[in-house]
Amino acid sequence: VDPSGQYAVGADAMGIIHMWDLGTGKKVTEFRAKAMSSDAASRKATQKSTWGMLHAMSFSACGTALATGGDDQVVRIWDIQQAIRGKSPVVEYPRKSFPTRRTMILDLEFTKRNLLLSVGKYIS
């Protein structure tokens, strides 16, 4: 649930993130990182599909960003405002992607100052 209590997110077994408006009960959007992004790091990270379990999702303290991570070994930062204002039911471009070196993401948490903390498991 986001800091304002207005939106909730959940992921399915395919790694697709769904966001709902808690006031109306309606689905707002989906987040899928399958398209190519504009910067080099994001391009490299989004070449991996989001297929697989997501273990971590965290809203920023200000509620404008959502961080996600899991089995695909990539931390993605999604723009929540773009998703809410956007006309497309699917958001394919994360604001930023951070590929790890064989580290499965197990937990993500934003601090009150919007710094992102991550915990992972190295996969040998």
N, C-alpha and C. Protein backbone atom coordinates (compact mmCIF):
# COMPACT_ATOMS: atom_id res chain seq x y z
N VAL A 1 0.85 -1.17 0.00
CA VAL A 1 0.00 0.00 0.00
C VAL A 1 0.90 1.24 0.00
N ASP A 2 0.55 2.22 -0.85
CA ASP A 2 1.36 3.45 -0.92
C ASP A 2 1.20 4.28 0.35
N PRO A 3 2.09 5.26 0.58
CA PRO A 3 2.04 6.05 1.82
C PRO A 3 0.73 6.81 2.03
N SER A 4 0.05 7.17 0.96
CA SER A 4 -1.22 7.89 1.11
C SER A 4 -2.39 6.96 1.43
N GLY A 5 -2.19 5.65 1.25
CA GLY A 5 -3.25 4.68 1.48
C GLY A 5 -4.25 4.59 0.35
N GLN A 6 -3.96 5.24 -0.79
CA GLN A 6 -4.89 5.25 -1.91
C GLN A 6 -4.69 4.09 -2.88
N TYR A 7 -3.45 3.61 -3.02
CA TYR A 7 -3.15 2.57 -4.00
C TYR A 7 -2.48 1.36 -3.35
N ALA A 8 -2.75 0.20 -3.93
CA ALA A 8 -2.10 -1.04 -3.50
C ALA A 8 -1.55 -1.75 -4.73
N VAL A 9 -0.44 -2.47 -4.54
CA VAL A 9 0.15 -3.23 -5.63
C VAL A 9 0.31 -4.68 -5.21
N GLY A 10 0.31 -5.54 -6.21
CA GLY A 10 0.55 -6.97 -6.02
C GLY A 10 1.09 -7.53 -7.32
N ALA A 11 1.81 -8.63 -7.22
CA ALA A 11 2.40 -9.25 -8.42
C ALA A 11 1.87 -10.66 -8.59
N ASP A 12 1.77 -11.07 -9.86
CA ASP A 12 1.36 -12.44 -10.13
C ASP A 12 2.61 -13.31 -10.34
N ALA A 13 2.41 -14.58 -10.61
CA ALA A 13 3.53 -15.52 -10.75
C ALA A 13 4.40 -15.24 -11.98
N MET A 14 3.91 -14.45 -12.91
CA MET A 14 4.67 -14.12 -14.11
C MET A 14 5.50 -12.85 -13.93
N GLY A 15 5.43 -12.21 -12.76
CA GLY A 15 6.20 -11.02 -12.51
C GLY A 15 5.53 -9.74 -12.98
N ILE A 16 4.25 -9.80 -13.30
CA ILE A 16 3.51 -8.61 -13.71
C ILE A 16 2.93 -7.97 -12.46
N ILE A 17 3.17 -6.67 -12.31
CA ILE A 17 2.70 -5.94 -11.14
C ILE A 17 1.38 -5.27 -11.48
N HIS A 18 0.39 -5.43 -10.62
CA HIS A 18 -0.93 -4.85 -10.80
C HIS A 18 -1.14 -3.79 -9.73
N MET A 19 -1.71 -2.65 -10.10
CA MET A 19 -1.97 -1.58 -9.14
C MET A 19 -3.46 -1.25 -9.12
N TRP A 20 -4.04 -1.18 -7.91
CA TRP A 20 -5.45 -0.89 -7.74
C TRP A 20 -5.65 0.39 -6.95
N ASP A 21 -6.73 1.08 -7.25
CA ASP A 21 -7.18 2.23 -6.47
C ASP A 21 -8.06 1.67 -5.36
N LEU A 22 -7.66 1.86 -4.11
CA LEU A 22 -8.41 1.28 -2.99
C LEU A 22 -9.74 1.97 -2.75
N GLY A 23 -9.87 3.22 -3.19
CA GLY A 23 -11.13 3.95 -3.03
C GLY A 23 -12.23 3.40 -3.93
N THR A 24 -11.87 3.06 -5.16
CA THR A 24 -12.86 2.57 -6.12
C THR A 24 -12.84 1.05 -6.27
N GLY A 25 -11.72 0.43 -5.88
CA GLY A 25 -11.57 -1.01 -6.06
C GLY A 25 -11.20 -1.39 -7.48
N LYS A 26 -10.97 -0.40 -8.34
CA LYS A 26 -10.66 -0.67 -9.75
C LYS A 26 -9.15 -0.75 -9.98
N LYS A 27 -8.79 -1.60 -10.93
CA LYS A 27 -7.40 -1.72 -11.33
C LYS A 27 -7.00 -0.47 -12.11
N VAL A 28 -5.87 0.13 -11.73
CA VAL A 28 -5.39 1.34 -12.38
C VAL A 28 -4.49 1.01 -13.56
N THR A 29 -3.52 0.11 -13.34
CA THR A 29 -2.55 -0.20 -14.39
C THR A 29 -1.81 -1.48 -14.08
N GLU A 30 -0.97 -1.89 -15.03
CA GLU A 30 -0.02 -2.99 -14.87
C GLU A 30 1.36 -2.46 -15.19
N PHE A 31 2.36 -3.02 -14.54
CA PHE A 31 3.75 -2.69 -14.83
C PHE A 31 4.42 -3.94 -15.38
N ARG A 32 4.99 -3.83 -16.59
CA ARG A 32 5.71 -4.94 -17.23
C ARG A 32 6.96 -4.39 -17.87
N ALA A 33 8.10 -4.93 -17.57
CA ALA A 33 9.36 -4.43 -18.13
C ALA A 33 9.82 -5.31 -19.27
N LYS A 34 9.14 -5.20 -20.40
CA LYS A 34 9.53 -6.01 -21.55
C LYS A 34 10.06 -5.16 -22.69
N ALA A 35 9.76 -3.87 -22.67
CA ALA A 35 10.20 -2.99 -23.76
C ALA A 35 11.57 -2.42 -23.46
N MET A 36 12.23 -1.93 -24.48
CA MET A 36 13.54 -1.32 -24.31
C MET A 36 13.38 0.09 -23.78
N SER A 37 14.31 0.48 -22.93
CA SER A 37 14.29 1.82 -22.36
C SER A 37 15.36 2.68 -23.02
N SER A 38 15.38 3.95 -22.69
CA SER A 38 16.25 4.88 -23.40
C SER A 38 17.70 4.88 -22.93
N ASP A 39 17.98 4.65 -21.64
CA ASP A 39 19.37 4.71 -21.20
C ASP A 39 20.01 3.31 -21.25
N ALA A 40 21.33 3.28 -21.32
CA ALA A 40 22.07 2.03 -21.55
C ALA A 40 21.84 1.01 -20.44
N ALA A 41 21.90 1.42 -19.18
CA ALA A 41 21.71 0.48 -18.06
C ALA A 41 20.31 -0.10 -18.08
N SER A 42 19.32 0.75 -18.35
CA SER A 42 17.95 0.26 -18.40
C SER A 42 17.75 -0.67 -19.59
N ARG A 43 18.38 -0.34 -20.73
CA ARG A 43 18.27 -1.20 -21.90
C ARG A 43 18.80 -2.60 -21.59
N LYS A 44 19.96 -2.66 -20.95
CA LYS A 44 20.56 -3.95 -20.61
C LYS A 44 19.67 -4.72 -19.64
N ALA A 45 19.14 -4.01 -18.65
CA ALA A 45 18.31 -4.66 -17.63
C ALA A 45 16.98 -5.13 -18.19
N THR A 46 16.37 -4.36 -19.09
CA THR A 46 15.05 -4.75 -19.58
C THR A 46 15.13 -5.78 -20.68
N GLN A 47 16.34 -6.12 -21.13
CA GLN A 47 16.46 -7.22 -22.08
C GLN A 47 16.09 -8.53 -21.40
N LYS A 48 16.31 -8.59 -20.08
CA LYS A 48 15.82 -9.73 -19.31
C LYS A 48 14.33 -9.51 -19.13
N SER A 49 13.54 -10.53 -19.31
CA SER A 49 12.11 -10.34 -19.10
C SER A 49 11.81 -10.39 -17.61
N THR A 50 10.63 -9.96 -17.22
CA THR A 50 10.26 -10.00 -15.81
C THR A 50 9.65 -11.34 -15.45
N TRP A 51 9.79 -12.35 -16.29
CA TRP A 51 9.26 -13.66 -15.96
C TRP A 51 9.93 -14.15 -14.70
N GLY A 52 9.15 -14.55 -13.77
CA GLY A 52 9.67 -15.05 -12.52
C GLY A 52 9.04 -14.33 -11.35
N MET A 53 9.29 -14.86 -10.20
CA MET A 53 8.68 -14.35 -8.99
C MET A 53 9.29 -13.01 -8.58
N LEU A 54 8.43 -12.08 -8.20
CA LEU A 54 8.88 -10.84 -7.58
C LEU A 54 8.82 -11.03 -6.08
N HIS A 55 9.91 -10.74 -5.40
CA HIS A 55 9.97 -10.92 -3.95
C HIS A 55 9.82 -9.61 -3.20
N ALA A 56 10.05 -8.50 -3.88
CA ALA A 56 10.07 -7.23 -3.17
C ALA A 56 9.40 -6.12 -3.97
N MET A 57 8.57 -5.34 -3.29
CA MET A 57 7.96 -4.14 -3.85
C MET A 57 7.90 -3.11 -2.73
N SER A 58 8.28 -1.88 -3.03
CA SER A 58 8.27 -0.85 -2.00
C SER A 58 7.98 0.50 -2.63
N PHE A 59 7.03 1.22 -2.04
CA PHE A 59 6.76 2.60 -2.46
C PHE A 59 7.76 3.53 -1.80
N SER A 60 8.14 4.58 -2.51
CA SER A 60 8.97 5.62 -1.91
C SER A 60 8.16 6.34 -0.85
N ALA A 61 8.86 6.99 0.08
CA ALA A 61 8.17 7.69 1.17
C ALA A 61 7.24 8.78 0.65
N CYS A 62 7.61 9.40 -0.48
CA CYS A 62 6.77 10.46 -1.04
C CYS A 62 5.65 9.89 -1.92
N GLY A 63 5.70 8.58 -2.21
CA GLY A 63 4.64 7.94 -2.98
C GLY A 63 4.71 8.12 -4.47
N THR A 64 5.81 8.64 -5.00
CA THR A 64 5.91 8.87 -6.44
C THR A 64 6.63 7.76 -7.19
N ALA A 65 7.26 6.84 -6.47
CA ALA A 65 8.02 5.77 -7.11
C ALA A 65 7.71 4.44 -6.46
N LEU A 66 7.84 3.38 -7.25
CA LEU A 66 7.69 2.02 -6.77
C LEU A 66 8.93 1.25 -7.19
N ALA A 67 9.62 0.64 -6.24
CA ALA A 67 10.78 -0.19 -6.54
C ALA A 67 10.35 -1.66 -6.51
N THR A 68 10.81 -2.44 -7.49
CA THR A 68 10.48 -3.86 -7.55
C THR A 68 11.73 -4.67 -7.83
N GLY A 69 11.74 -5.92 -7.37
CA GLY A 69 12.86 -6.81 -7.64
C GLY A 69 12.51 -8.23 -7.29
N GLY A 70 13.25 -9.18 -7.89
CA GLY A 70 12.97 -10.58 -7.63
C GLY A 70 13.94 -11.50 -8.31
N ASP A 71 13.40 -12.61 -8.84
CA ASP A 71 14.22 -13.65 -9.45
C ASP A 71 14.98 -13.20 -10.69
N ASP A 72 14.49 -12.17 -11.38
CA ASP A 72 15.16 -11.74 -12.61
C ASP A 72 16.42 -10.92 -12.36
N GLN A 73 16.76 -10.67 -11.08
CA GLN A 73 18.02 -10.04 -10.68
C GLN A 73 18.14 -8.58 -11.13
N VAL A 74 17.01 -7.89 -11.23
CA VAL A 74 17.00 -6.48 -11.63
C VAL A 74 16.12 -5.70 -10.66
N VAL A 75 16.63 -4.57 -10.18
CA VAL A 75 15.83 -3.64 -9.40
C VAL A 75 15.28 -2.61 -10.37
N ARG A 76 13.97 -2.43 -10.37
CA ARG A 76 13.34 -1.46 -11.28
C ARG A 76 12.62 -0.40 -10.46
N ILE A 77 12.72 0.85 -10.91
CA ILE A 77 12.04 1.97 -10.28
C ILE A 77 10.96 2.44 -11.26
N TRP A 78 9.71 2.38 -10.83
CA TRP A 78 8.57 2.75 -11.66
C TRP A 78 8.04 4.11 -11.25
N ASP A 79 7.61 4.90 -12.21
CA ASP A 79 7.02 6.22 -11.97
C ASP A 79 5.52 6.06 -11.74
N ILE A 80 5.09 6.21 -10.50
CA ILE A 80 3.69 6.02 -10.15
C ILE A 80 2.81 7.09 -10.76
N GLN A 81 3.27 8.33 -10.78
CA GLN A 81 2.48 9.42 -11.35
C GLN A 81 2.21 9.19 -12.83
N GLN A 82 3.20 8.68 -13.56
CA GLN A 82 3.00 8.36 -14.98
C GLN A 82 1.92 7.30 -15.13
N ALA A 83 1.94 6.32 -14.26
CA ALA A 83 0.95 5.24 -14.32
C ALA A 83 -0.46 5.75 -14.05
N ILE A 84 -0.58 6.65 -13.09
CA ILE A 84 -1.90 7.17 -12.72
C ILE A 84 -2.45 8.09 -13.81
N ARG A 85 -1.60 8.96 -14.33
CA ARG A 85 -2.03 9.92 -15.36
C ARG A 85 -2.07 9.32 -16.76
N GLY A 86 -1.34 8.24 -16.98
CA GLY A 86 -1.22 7.67 -18.32
C GLY A 86 -2.53 7.10 -18.83
N LYS A 87 -2.65 7.07 -20.14
CA LYS A 87 -3.86 6.54 -20.76
C LYS A 87 -3.74 5.06 -21.09
N SER A 88 -2.52 4.55 -21.04
CA SER A 88 -2.29 3.15 -21.35
C SER A 88 -2.53 2.29 -20.12
N PRO A 89 -3.20 1.15 -20.30
CA PRO A 89 -3.44 0.26 -19.16
C PRO A 89 -2.18 -0.51 -18.73
N VAL A 90 -1.10 -0.42 -19.53
CA VAL A 90 0.13 -1.14 -19.22
C VAL A 90 1.30 -0.17 -19.30
N VAL A 91 2.14 -0.15 -18.25
CA VAL A 91 3.36 0.65 -18.25
C VAL A 91 4.52 -0.30 -18.51
N GLU A 92 5.24 -0.09 -19.61
CA GLU A 92 6.33 -0.99 -19.97
C GLU A 92 7.72 -0.42 -19.71
N TYR A 93 7.80 0.86 -19.44
CA TYR A 93 9.11 1.50 -19.26
C TYR A 93 9.32 1.89 -17.80
N PRO A 94 10.20 1.19 -17.09
CA PRO A 94 10.53 1.66 -15.75
C PRO A 94 11.32 2.96 -15.86
N ARG A 95 11.23 3.80 -14.85
CA ARG A 95 12.00 5.05 -14.84
C ARG A 95 13.49 4.72 -14.87
N LYS A 96 13.90 3.69 -14.14
CA LYS A 96 15.30 3.28 -14.07
C LYS A 96 15.37 1.80 -13.77
N SER A 97 16.39 1.14 -14.29
CA SER A 97 16.62 -0.28 -14.02
C SER A 97 18.06 -0.48 -13.58
N PHE A 98 18.25 -1.34 -12.59
CA PHE A 98 19.58 -1.62 -12.07
C PHE A 98 19.82 -3.12 -12.07
N PRO A 99 20.50 -3.64 -13.10
CA PRO A 99 20.79 -5.08 -13.12
C PRO A 99 21.85 -5.41 -12.06
N THR A 100 21.70 -6.56 -11.44
CA THR A 100 22.69 -7.00 -10.46
C THR A 100 23.55 -8.09 -11.10
N ARG A 101 24.60 -8.43 -10.43
CA ARG A 101 25.46 -9.51 -10.91
C ARG A 101 25.07 -10.80 -10.20
N ARG A 102 24.10 -11.48 -10.78
CA ARG A 102 23.65 -12.77 -10.26
C ARG A 102 23.17 -12.69 -8.82
N THR A 103 22.42 -11.64 -8.50
CA THR A 103 21.87 -11.49 -7.16
C THR A 103 20.36 -11.41 -7.23
N MET A 104 19.70 -12.40 -6.67
CA MET A 104 18.24 -12.41 -6.59
C MET A 104 17.82 -11.39 -5.52
N ILE A 105 16.89 -10.51 -5.85
CA ILE A 105 16.44 -9.48 -4.93
C ILE A 105 15.39 -10.07 -3.99
N LEU A 106 15.66 -9.97 -2.69
CA LEU A 106 14.75 -10.54 -1.70
C LEU A 106 13.93 -9.49 -0.96
N ASP A 107 14.47 -8.28 -0.80
CA ASP A 107 13.73 -7.25 -0.09
C ASP A 107 14.19 -5.87 -0.55
N LEU A 108 13.26 -4.93 -0.61
CA LEU A 108 13.54 -3.54 -0.94
C LEU A 108 12.79 -2.67 0.05
N GLU A 109 13.41 -1.58 0.43
CA GLU A 109 12.75 -0.65 1.35
C GLU A 109 13.30 0.75 1.12
N PHE A 110 12.39 1.72 1.02
CA PHE A 110 12.78 3.12 0.95
C PHE A 110 12.85 3.68 2.37
N THR A 111 13.85 4.53 2.62
CA THR A 111 13.91 5.23 3.89
C THR A 111 12.99 6.43 3.83
N LYS A 112 12.83 7.13 4.94
CA LYS A 112 12.00 8.33 4.97
C LYS A 112 12.58 9.43 4.08
N ARG A 113 13.88 9.36 3.79
CA ARG A 113 14.53 10.34 2.92
C ARG A 113 14.58 9.86 1.47
N ASN A 114 13.81 8.83 1.13
CA ASN A 114 13.72 8.27 -0.22
C ASN A 114 15.01 7.63 -0.71
N LEU A 115 15.81 7.09 0.20
CA LEU A 115 16.97 6.30 -0.18
C LEU A 115 16.52 4.84 -0.25
N LEU A 116 16.96 4.13 -1.27
CA LEU A 116 16.52 2.74 -1.47
C LEU A 116 17.53 1.77 -0.89
N LEU A 117 17.05 0.87 -0.05
CA LEU A 117 17.87 -0.19 0.52
C LEU A 117 17.46 -1.51 -0.12
N SER A 118 18.43 -2.40 -0.34
CA SER A 118 18.14 -3.65 -1.00
C SER A 118 18.85 -4.80 -0.28
N VAL A 119 18.20 -5.96 -0.25
CA VAL A 119 18.80 -7.18 0.28
C VAL A 119 18.64 -8.24 -0.80
N GLY A 120 19.73 -8.97 -1.05
CA GLY A 120 19.67 -10.00 -2.08
C GLY A 120 20.45 -11.24 -1.69
N LYS A 121 20.35 -12.24 -2.56
CA LYS A 121 21.06 -13.50 -2.37
C LYS A 121 21.88 -13.76 -3.62
N TYR A 122 23.19 -13.88 -3.46
CA TYR A 122 24.08 -14.15 -4.58
C TYR A 122 23.81 -15.56 -5.10
N ILE A 123 23.66 -15.68 -6.39
CA ILE A 123 23.39 -16.98 -7.01
C ILE A 123 24.67 -17.43 -7.71
N SER A 124 25.26 -18.51 -7.23
CA SER A 124 26.52 -18.97 -7.83
C SER A 124 26.29 -19.98 -8.91
